[in-house]
Protein backbone atom coordinates (compact mmCIF):
# COMPACT_ATOMS: atom_id res chain seq x y z
CA UNK A 1 0.00 0.00 0.00
CA UNK A 2 2.79 2.34 0.96
CA UNK A 3 4.62 1.43 -2.26
CA UNK A 4 1.55 2.29 -4.32
CA UNK A 5 1.23 5.62 -2.50
CA UNK A 6 4.87 6.41 -3.30
CA UNK A 7 4.32 5.60 -6.98
CA UNK A 8 1.31 7.94 -7.12
CA UNK A 9 3.16 10.70 -5.29
CA UNK A 10 6.22 10.36 -7.54
CA UNK A 11 4.01 10.38 -10.65
CA UNK A 12 2.21 13.51 -9.47
CA UNK A 13 5.55 15.12 -8.71
CA UNK A 14 6.85 14.33 -12.21
CA UNK A 15 3.66 15.70 -13.78
CA UNK A 16 3.82 18.84 -11.64
CA UNK A 17 7.49 19.33 -12.55
CA UNK A 18 6.72 18.97 -16.26
CA UNK A 19 3.90 21.49 -15.99
CA UNK A 20 6.19 23.96 -14.23
CA UNK A 21 8.84 23.52 -16.92
CA UNK A 22 6.29 23.93 -19.73
CA UNK A 23 4.79 27.02 -18.10
CA UNK A 24 8.29 28.47 -17.67
CA UNK A 25 9.08 27.82 -21.34
CA UNK A 26 5.76 29.36 -22.38
CA UNK A 27 6.36 32.43 -20.20
CA UNK A 28 9.92 32.79 -21.48
CA UNK A 29 8.82 32.52 -25.09
CA UNK A 30 6.06 35.11 -24.62
CA UNK A 31 8.51 37.52 -22.96
CA UNK A 32 11.00 36.97 -25.78
CA UNK A 33 8.39 37.60 -28.50
CA UNK A 34 6.54 40.35 -26.63
CA UNK A 35 3.24 38.45 -26.76
CA UNK A 36 1.45 39.15 -23.49
CA UNK A 37 -2.17 38.61 -24.57
CA UNK A 38 -3.98 35.51 -23.37
CA UNK A 39 -6.27 34.30 -26.12
CA UNK A 40 -6.66 31.29 -28.37
CA UNK A 41 -3.90 32.03 -30.86
CA UNK A 42 -4.96 29.21 -33.15
CA UNK A 43 -8.51 30.51 -33.51
CA UNK A 44 -7.45 34.15 -33.67
CA UNK A 45 -5.00 33.47 -36.49
CA UNK A 46 -7.12 31.20 -38.68
CA UNK A 47 -6.25 32.21 -42.23
CA UNK A 48 -6.40 30.41 -45.52
CA UNK A 49 -3.33 28.19 -45.81
CA UNK A 50 -1.82 30.18 -42.97
CA UNK A 51 1.38 28.16 -42.97
CA UNK A 52 2.03 29.35 -46.51
CA UNK A 53 0.44 32.77 -46.93
CA UNK A 54 0.62 36.08 -45.00
CA UNK A 55 -3.06 37.05 -44.77
CA UNK A 56 -5.56 38.86 -42.58
CA UNK A 57 -9.35 38.77 -42.26
CA UNK A 58 -11.35 41.19 -44.41
CA UNK A 59 -15.10 41.59 -43.99
CA UNK A 60 -15.66 42.27 -47.71
CA UNK A 61 -13.08 40.06 -49.42
CA UNK A 62 -12.77 37.29 -46.84
CA UNK A 63 -9.00 37.72 -46.62
CA UNK A 64 -6.34 40.05 -47.99
CA UNK A 65 -2.56 40.23 -47.80
CA UNK A 66 -1.20 41.18 -44.39
CA UNK A 67 0.97 44.31 -44.32
CA UNK A 68 4.61 43.68 -43.43
CA UNK A 69 7.60 41.64 -44.52
CA UNK A 70 7.70 37.89 -44.47
CA UNK A 71 10.93 35.95 -44.87
CA UNK A 72 10.63 32.24 -45.45
CA UNK A 73 13.13 29.43 -45.51
CA UNK A 74 11.17 27.33 -48.01
CA UNK A 75 10.25 28.39 -51.56
CA UNK A 76 10.13 32.14 -51.00
CA UNK A 77 13.01 34.30 -49.80
CA UNK A 78 11.06 37.49 -49.22
CA UNK A 79 7.50 38.80 -49.47
CA UNK A 80 6.85 42.48 -48.76
CA UNK A 81 3.27 43.71 -48.40
CA UNK A 82 2.65 47.46 -48.52
CA UNK A 83 -0.30 49.47 -47.23
CA UNK A 84 -3.58 48.40 -48.75
CA UNK A 85 -2.37 44.81 -49.04
CA UNK A 86 -0.36 45.62 -52.18
CA UNK A 87 2.73 43.52 -52.86
CA UNK A 88 5.97 45.42 -53.36
CA UNK A 89 7.64 45.20 -56.77
CA UNK A 90 11.05 45.15 -55.14
CA UNK A 91 13.59 47.56 -53.75
CA UNK A 92 13.79 49.71 -56.89
CA UNK A 93 10.09 49.75 -57.73
CA UNK A 94 8.22 52.95 -58.58
CA UNK A 95 6.62 54.52 -55.51
CA UNK A 96 4.87 57.27 -57.45
CA UNK A 97 3.35 57.59 -60.90
CA UNK A 98 5.30 59.47 -63.58
CA UNK A 99 3.98 63.00 -64.11
CA UNK A 100 0.66 63.03 -65.91
CA UNK A 101 0.30 59.24 -65.94
CA UNK A 102 -2.09 56.95 -64.14
CA UNK A 103 -0.86 53.58 -62.82
CA UNK A 104 -1.53 50.13 -64.19
CA UNK A 105 -3.53 47.94 -61.79
CA UNK A 106 -3.14 44.14 -61.72
CA UNK A 107 -5.55 41.87 -59.83
CA UNK A 108 -5.88 38.12 -59.63
CA UNK A 109 -4.79 35.18 -57.50
CA UNK A 110 -1.41 33.75 -56.46
CA UNK A 111 -0.17 33.78 -60.07
CA UNK A 112 -0.55 37.58 -60.03
CA UNK A 113 0.68 37.91 -56.46
CA UNK A 114 3.74 35.90 -57.43
CA UNK A 115 3.80 33.10 -54.91
CA UNK A 116 7.13 31.22 -54.76
CA UNK A 117 9.16 34.11 -56.22
CA UNK A 118 10.78 37.25 -54.79
CA UNK A 119 9.16 40.68 -54.79
CA UNK A 120 10.97 41.77 -57.96
CA UNK A 121 10.30 38.49 -59.80
CA UNK A 122 6.51 38.70 -60.10
CA UNK A 123 5.07 39.55 -63.49
CA UNK A 124 3.67 42.91 -62.28
CA UNK A 125 7.19 43.86 -61.08
CA UNK A 126 8.77 42.76 -64.36
CA UNK A 127 6.07 44.53 -66.39
CA UNK A 128 6.74 47.76 -64.47
CA UNK A 129 10.37 47.70 -65.62
CA UNK A 130 9.43 46.78 -69.19
CA UNK A 131 6.95 49.61 -69.75
CA UNK A 132 8.44 52.25 -67.42
CA UNK A 133 5.13 52.82 -65.66
CA UNK A 134 4.00 52.08 -62.14
CA UNK A 135 2.24 48.72 -61.86
CA UNK A 136 0.24 48.02 -58.70
CA UNK A 137 0.19 44.33 -57.72
CA UNK A 138 -3.23 43.77 -56.14
CA UNK A 139 -3.12 39.98 -56.53
CA UNK A 140 -4.13 37.85 -53.53
CA UNK A 141 -3.51 34.11 -53.19
CA UNK A 142 -6.43 31.69 -53.54
CA UNK A 143 -8.84 34.31 -54.90
CA UNK A 144 -11.64 33.33 -57.23
CA UNK A 145 -12.70 35.55 -60.11
CA UNK A 146 -15.49 36.85 -57.87
CA UNK A 147 -13.10 38.14 -55.20
CA UNK A 148 -10.77 39.55 -57.86
CA UNK A 149 -13.67 41.60 -59.30
CA UNK A 150 -14.56 43.03 -55.89
CA UNK A 151 -10.87 43.75 -55.26
CA UNK A 152 -10.56 45.48 -58.63
CA UNK A 153 -13.48 47.78 -57.88
CA UNK A 154 -11.96 48.76 -54.54
CA UNK A 155 -8.48 49.45 -55.90
CA UNK A 156 -9.76 51.38 -58.91
CA UNK A 157 -11.40 53.82 -56.50
CA UNK A 158 -8.17 54.05 -54.49
CA UNK A 159 -5.53 54.35 -57.23
CA UNK A 160 -7.48 55.69 -60.24
CA UNK A 161 -5.63 53.58 -62.84
CA UNK A 162 -6.09 54.00 -66.58
CA UNK A 163 -5.31 50.31 -67.19
CA UNK A 164 -6.60 47.18 -65.45
CA UNK A 165 -5.10 43.72 -65.95
CA UNK A 166 -7.53 41.08 -64.66
CA UNK A 167 -5.74 37.74 -64.40
CA UNK A 168 -7.27 34.34 -63.73
CA UNK A 169 -6.39 30.66 -63.91
CA UNK A 170 -8.90 27.88 -64.70
CA UNK A 171 -9.31 27.01 -61.01
CA UNK A 172 -10.56 30.54 -60.29
CA UNK A 173 -13.73 29.71 -62.23
CA UNK A 174 -14.56 26.88 -59.84
CA UNK A 175 -13.82 29.14 -56.87
CA UNK A 176 -16.79 31.29 -57.91
CA UNK A 177 -19.09 28.49 -56.68
CA UNK A 178 -17.90 28.28 -53.09
CA UNK A 179 -18.69 30.27 -49.97
CA UNK A 180 -15.62 29.09 -48.06
CA UNK A 181 -12.16 27.77 -48.83
CA UNK A 182 -10.18 25.59 -46.42
CA UNK A 183 -12.73 26.52 -43.76
CA UNK A 184 -12.26 30.28 -44.32
CA UNK A 185 -15.34 32.17 -45.50
CA UNK A 186 -15.46 34.30 -48.64
CA UNK A 187 -17.93 36.46 -50.57
CA UNK A 188 -19.67 35.03 -53.61
CA UNK A 189 -22.07 36.07 -56.35
CA UNK A 190 -25.53 34.72 -56.93
CA UNK A 191 -27.42 35.36 -60.16
CA UNK A 192 -30.78 37.12 -60.03
CA UNK A 193 -32.57 38.04 -63.25
CA UNK A 194 -29.31 37.67 -65.13
CA UNK A 195 -27.45 40.04 -62.78
CA UNK A 196 -24.68 39.33 -60.28
CA UNK A 197 -25.57 39.95 -56.64
CA UNK A 198 -22.80 39.91 -54.01
CA UNK A 199 -23.63 37.64 -51.07
CA UNK A 200 -22.16 36.69 -47.69
CA UNK A 201 -21.32 40.31 -46.73
CA UNK A 202 -19.99 41.00 -44.17
CA UNK A 203 -17.99 37.80 -44.50
CA UNK A 204 -18.26 35.75 -41.26
CA UNK A 205 -15.03 35.37 -39.35
CA UNK A 206 -13.68 31.81 -39.31
CA UNK A 207 -14.07 29.83 -36.11
CA UNK A 208 -12.07 26.89 -34.85
CA UNK A 209 -15.16 24.67 -35.03
CA UNK A 210 -15.33 25.29 -38.80
CA UNK A 211 -12.45 22.81 -39.08
CA UNK A 212 -14.25 19.95 -37.37
CA UNK A 213 -14.13 18.95 -33.71
CA UNK A 214 -11.17 20.95 -32.35
CA UNK A 215 -10.49 18.44 -29.53
CA UNK A 216 -7.19 19.09 -27.80
CA UNK A 217 -6.40 21.83 -30.32
CA UNK A 218 -8.91 24.03 -28.47
CA UNK A 219 -6.54 24.07 -25.48
CA UNK A 220 -3.19 23.90 -27.26
CA UNK A 221 -4.25 26.95 -29.25
CA UNK A 222 -3.66 29.09 -26.15
CA UNK A 223 0.03 28.22 -26.16
CA UNK A 224 2.17 30.63 -28.17
CA UNK A 225 5.10 28.22 -27.95
CA UNK A 226 3.14 25.20 -29.23
CA UNK A 227 1.70 27.27 -32.06
CA UNK A 228 5.14 28.56 -33.03
CA UNK A 229 6.69 25.09 -33.05
CA UNK A 230 3.82 23.50 -34.98
CA UNK A 231 3.76 26.21 -37.64
CA UNK A 232 7.47 25.69 -38.31
CA UNK A 233 7.32 21.93 -38.47
CA UNK A 234 5.92 19.52 -41.01
CA UNK A 235 2.68 19.76 -39.02
CA UNK A 236 2.23 23.38 -40.09
CA UNK A 237 -1.35 22.69 -41.18
CA UNK A 238 -2.33 21.27 -37.76
CA UNK A 239 -5.04 23.89 -37.42
CA UNK A 240 -6.84 22.47 -40.48
CA UNK A 241 -6.93 18.89 -39.25
CA UNK A 242 -7.34 17.47 -42.72
CA UNK A 243 -9.80 20.14 -43.82
CA UNK A 244 -7.41 22.02 -46.11
CA UNK A 245 -9.34 21.36 -49.31
CA UNK A 246 -12.86 21.07 -47.88
CA UNK A 247 -14.98 23.70 -49.61
CA UNK A 248 -18.70 24.37 -49.48
CA UNK A 249 -20.59 24.50 -52.74
CA UNK A 250 -23.25 27.18 -52.58
CA UNK A 251 -24.68 27.37 -56.11
CA UNK A 252 -27.14 24.72 -57.19
CA UNK A 253 -28.65 26.96 -59.84
CA UNK A 254 -25.47 28.51 -61.28
CA UNK A 255 -22.15 26.99 -62.26
CA UNK A 256 -18.79 28.65 -61.88
CA UNK A 257 -18.72 29.11 -65.65
CA UNK A 258 -22.02 31.02 -65.64
CA UNK A 259 -20.82 33.32 -62.88
CA UNK A 260 -17.39 33.81 -64.48
CA UNK A 261 -19.05 34.68 -67.79
CA UNK A 262 -21.07 37.44 -66.11
CA UNK A 263 -17.95 38.65 -64.30
CA UNK A 264 -16.20 39.16 -67.65
CA UNK A 265 -19.22 41.06 -68.90
CA UNK A 266 -18.97 43.24 -65.80
CA UNK A 267 -15.34 43.94 -66.70
CA UNK A 268 -16.38 44.75 -70.23
CA UNK A 269 -18.84 47.33 -68.90
CA UNK A 270 -16.28 48.57 -66.39
CA UNK A 271 -14.02 49.58 -69.26
CA UNK A 272 -16.78 51.88 -70.52
CA UNK A 273 -17.98 53.25 -67.18
CA UNK A 274 -14.51 54.05 -65.81
CA UNK A 275 -12.90 54.89 -69.17
CA UNK A 276 -9.98 52.54 -68.61
CA UNK A 277 -8.24 49.91 -70.73
CA UNK A 278 -9.08 46.44 -69.43
CA UNK A 279 -7.00 43.36 -70.27
CA UNK A 280 -8.32 39.89 -69.47
CA UNK A 281 -5.28 37.68 -68.83
CA UNK A 282 -5.84 33.91 -68.97
CA UNK A 283 -2.97 32.13 -67.19
CA UNK A 284 -2.37 28.41 -66.79
CA UNK A 285 -0.46 25.92 -64.72
CA UNK A 286 2.02 23.43 -66.11
CA UNK A 287 -0.63 20.95 -67.29
CA UNK A 288 -1.95 22.60 -70.45
CA UNK A 289 -3.99 19.45 -71.23
CA UNK A 290 -6.15 19.76 -68.12
CA UNK A 291 -9.92 19.75 -68.77
CA UNK A 292 -10.01 23.01 -66.84
CA UNK A 293 -8.17 24.70 -69.72
CA UNK A 294 -11.18 24.29 -71.99
CA UNK A 295 -13.37 25.88 -69.29
CA UNK A 296 -11.25 29.02 -69.34
CA UNK A 297 -11.58 29.29 -73.09
CA UNK A 298 -15.35 28.67 -72.97
CA UNK A 299 -15.77 31.40 -70.36
CA UNK A 300 -13.91 33.90 -72.53
CA UNK A 301 -16.06 33.02 -75.54
CA UNK A 302 -19.37 33.11 -73.67
CA UNK A 303 -18.80 36.67 -72.50
CA UNK A 304 -18.32 38.11 -76.01
CA UNK A 305 -16.18 40.97 -74.67
CA UNK A 306 -16.07 44.00 -76.95
CA UNK A 307 -14.39 46.64 -74.81
CA UNK A 308 -11.54 44.65 -73.28
CA UNK A 309 -8.50 42.92 -74.71
CA UNK A 310 -8.05 39.19 -74.13
CA UNK A 311 -4.52 37.86 -73.54
CA UNK A 312 -4.75 34.07 -73.63
CA UNK A 313 -1.38 32.48 -72.81
CA UNK A 314 -2.44 28.99 -73.84
CA UNK A 315 -1.02 29.08 -77.36
CA UNK A 316 2.25 30.68 -76.25
CA UNK A 317 2.76 27.99 -73.62
CA UNK A 318 1.91 25.20 -76.07
CA UNK A 319 4.40 26.56 -78.59
CA UNK A 320 7.20 26.56 -76.01
CA UNK A 321 6.31 23.06 -74.79
CA UNK A 322 6.34 21.65 -78.31
CA UNK A 323 9.62 23.37 -79.15
CA UNK A 324 11.59 22.57 -75.99
CA UNK A 325 10.10 20.60 -73.10
CA UNK A 326 13.04 21.39 -70.83
CA UNK A 327 12.61 25.12 -71.38
CA UNK A 328 8.90 24.68 -70.71
CA UNK A 329 9.59 23.08 -67.32
CA UNK A 330 11.74 26.06 -66.34
CA UNK A 331 8.69 28.32 -66.59
CA UNK A 332 7.13 26.67 -63.52
CA UNK A 333 8.22 26.02 -59.97
CA UNK A 334 8.92 22.46 -58.85
CA UNK A 335 6.38 22.54 -56.02
CA UNK A 336 3.01 20.85 -56.13
CA UNK A 337 1.24 24.07 -57.09
CA UNK A 338 3.39 24.83 -60.16
CA UNK A 339 3.39 28.61 -59.99
CA UNK A 340 5.42 30.66 -62.43
CA UNK A 341 9.16 31.07 -61.92
CA UNK A 342 10.95 34.34 -62.69
CA UNK A 343 11.43 33.06 -66.26
CA UNK A 344 7.74 32.22 -66.51
CA UNK A 345 6.69 35.58 -65.14
CA UNK A 346 9.00 37.28 -67.62
CA UNK A 347 7.13 35.50 -70.40
CA UNK A 348 3.80 36.66 -68.96
CA UNK A 349 4.96 40.28 -68.63
CA UNK A 350 6.28 40.19 -72.18
CA UNK A 351 2.96 38.99 -73.58
CA UNK A 352 1.15 41.76 -71.70
CA UNK A 353 3.56 44.37 -73.02
CA UNK A 354 3.05 43.06 -76.54
CA UNK A 355 -0.73 43.41 -76.14
CA UNK A 356 -0.40 46.90 -74.67
CA UNK A 357 2.02 48.30 -77.22
CA UNK A 358 2.17 45.92 -80.15
CA UNK A 359 5.95 45.70 -79.79
CA UNK A 360 8.12 42.61 -79.46
CA UNK A 361 9.03 42.27 -75.77
CA UNK A 362 12.17 40.32 -76.58
CA UNK A 363 11.73 37.55 -74.03
CA UNK A 364 14.79 35.38 -73.67
């Protein structure tokens, strides 16, 4: 009996000692990082693909780029986000518009934002150098065409551009059908009497329960140290608990193609209403044979745009792939998502310049 009592006492002592050590580590880490607030960090910081992207909650767009500088050890060396959630074009980028000129505005998803490349290696940054005009990179990762349209309207009011480049990839068409992505809510359009109506505004903030039963995560989320260690390990998506690609379909009466078609028509009318040049840029991933490619081309055709210029990169990419498969591979990153490399973004910027000026961009 006495032996059993000693075992229990020793076990309790070990547990108490471990708790004291863990609390001391937690306190030390919070003092070191200057984090003195006691709240559920995991729930407070729920963001789409948080381990990969620097984002913040936005009640109109769902999420936007978080202002600041992010240095990463994997894939990306540096990401700099300026006021308004605009990505920097690099150290030597234009901060002001040349006298008498309006800026060029670029919106879209991670292909526009330039995920997996440095600030000065995105196609908006390269285009700025090519044309000698300020180019504002308003791209945000994981956006659908619906969010990109709302973002374009906001930034047009802010920056008064005379040129808008609206970029999309085939997957952005499908994103028009969902009200949330990876458990994070977003706005979406419904169709009423042939007109787009923006829904889900203000966008609900994400909650930990949106990712399934939080279990022990509900308590571990209060630990700044645990959160820090998990986000920098191979368990960086621990907050999703397998829900990374769980999305909620919200349109039973309208497909992504129908919504995307109306979005392009909105852009066509925008060119008239705001008296700006609008370019519709169709970008693609490495797999040019994907069935999604045909959806992009159908969407462009269904809209019958008359007041905007379409830049479809499909033929240019096919030509390079047929000519030199090794060169083609160098246009895309090696990661699973196959974003554009600096070389790929240089090709994109060159095609845009060609459409804007009719000159040969001289891409190497």
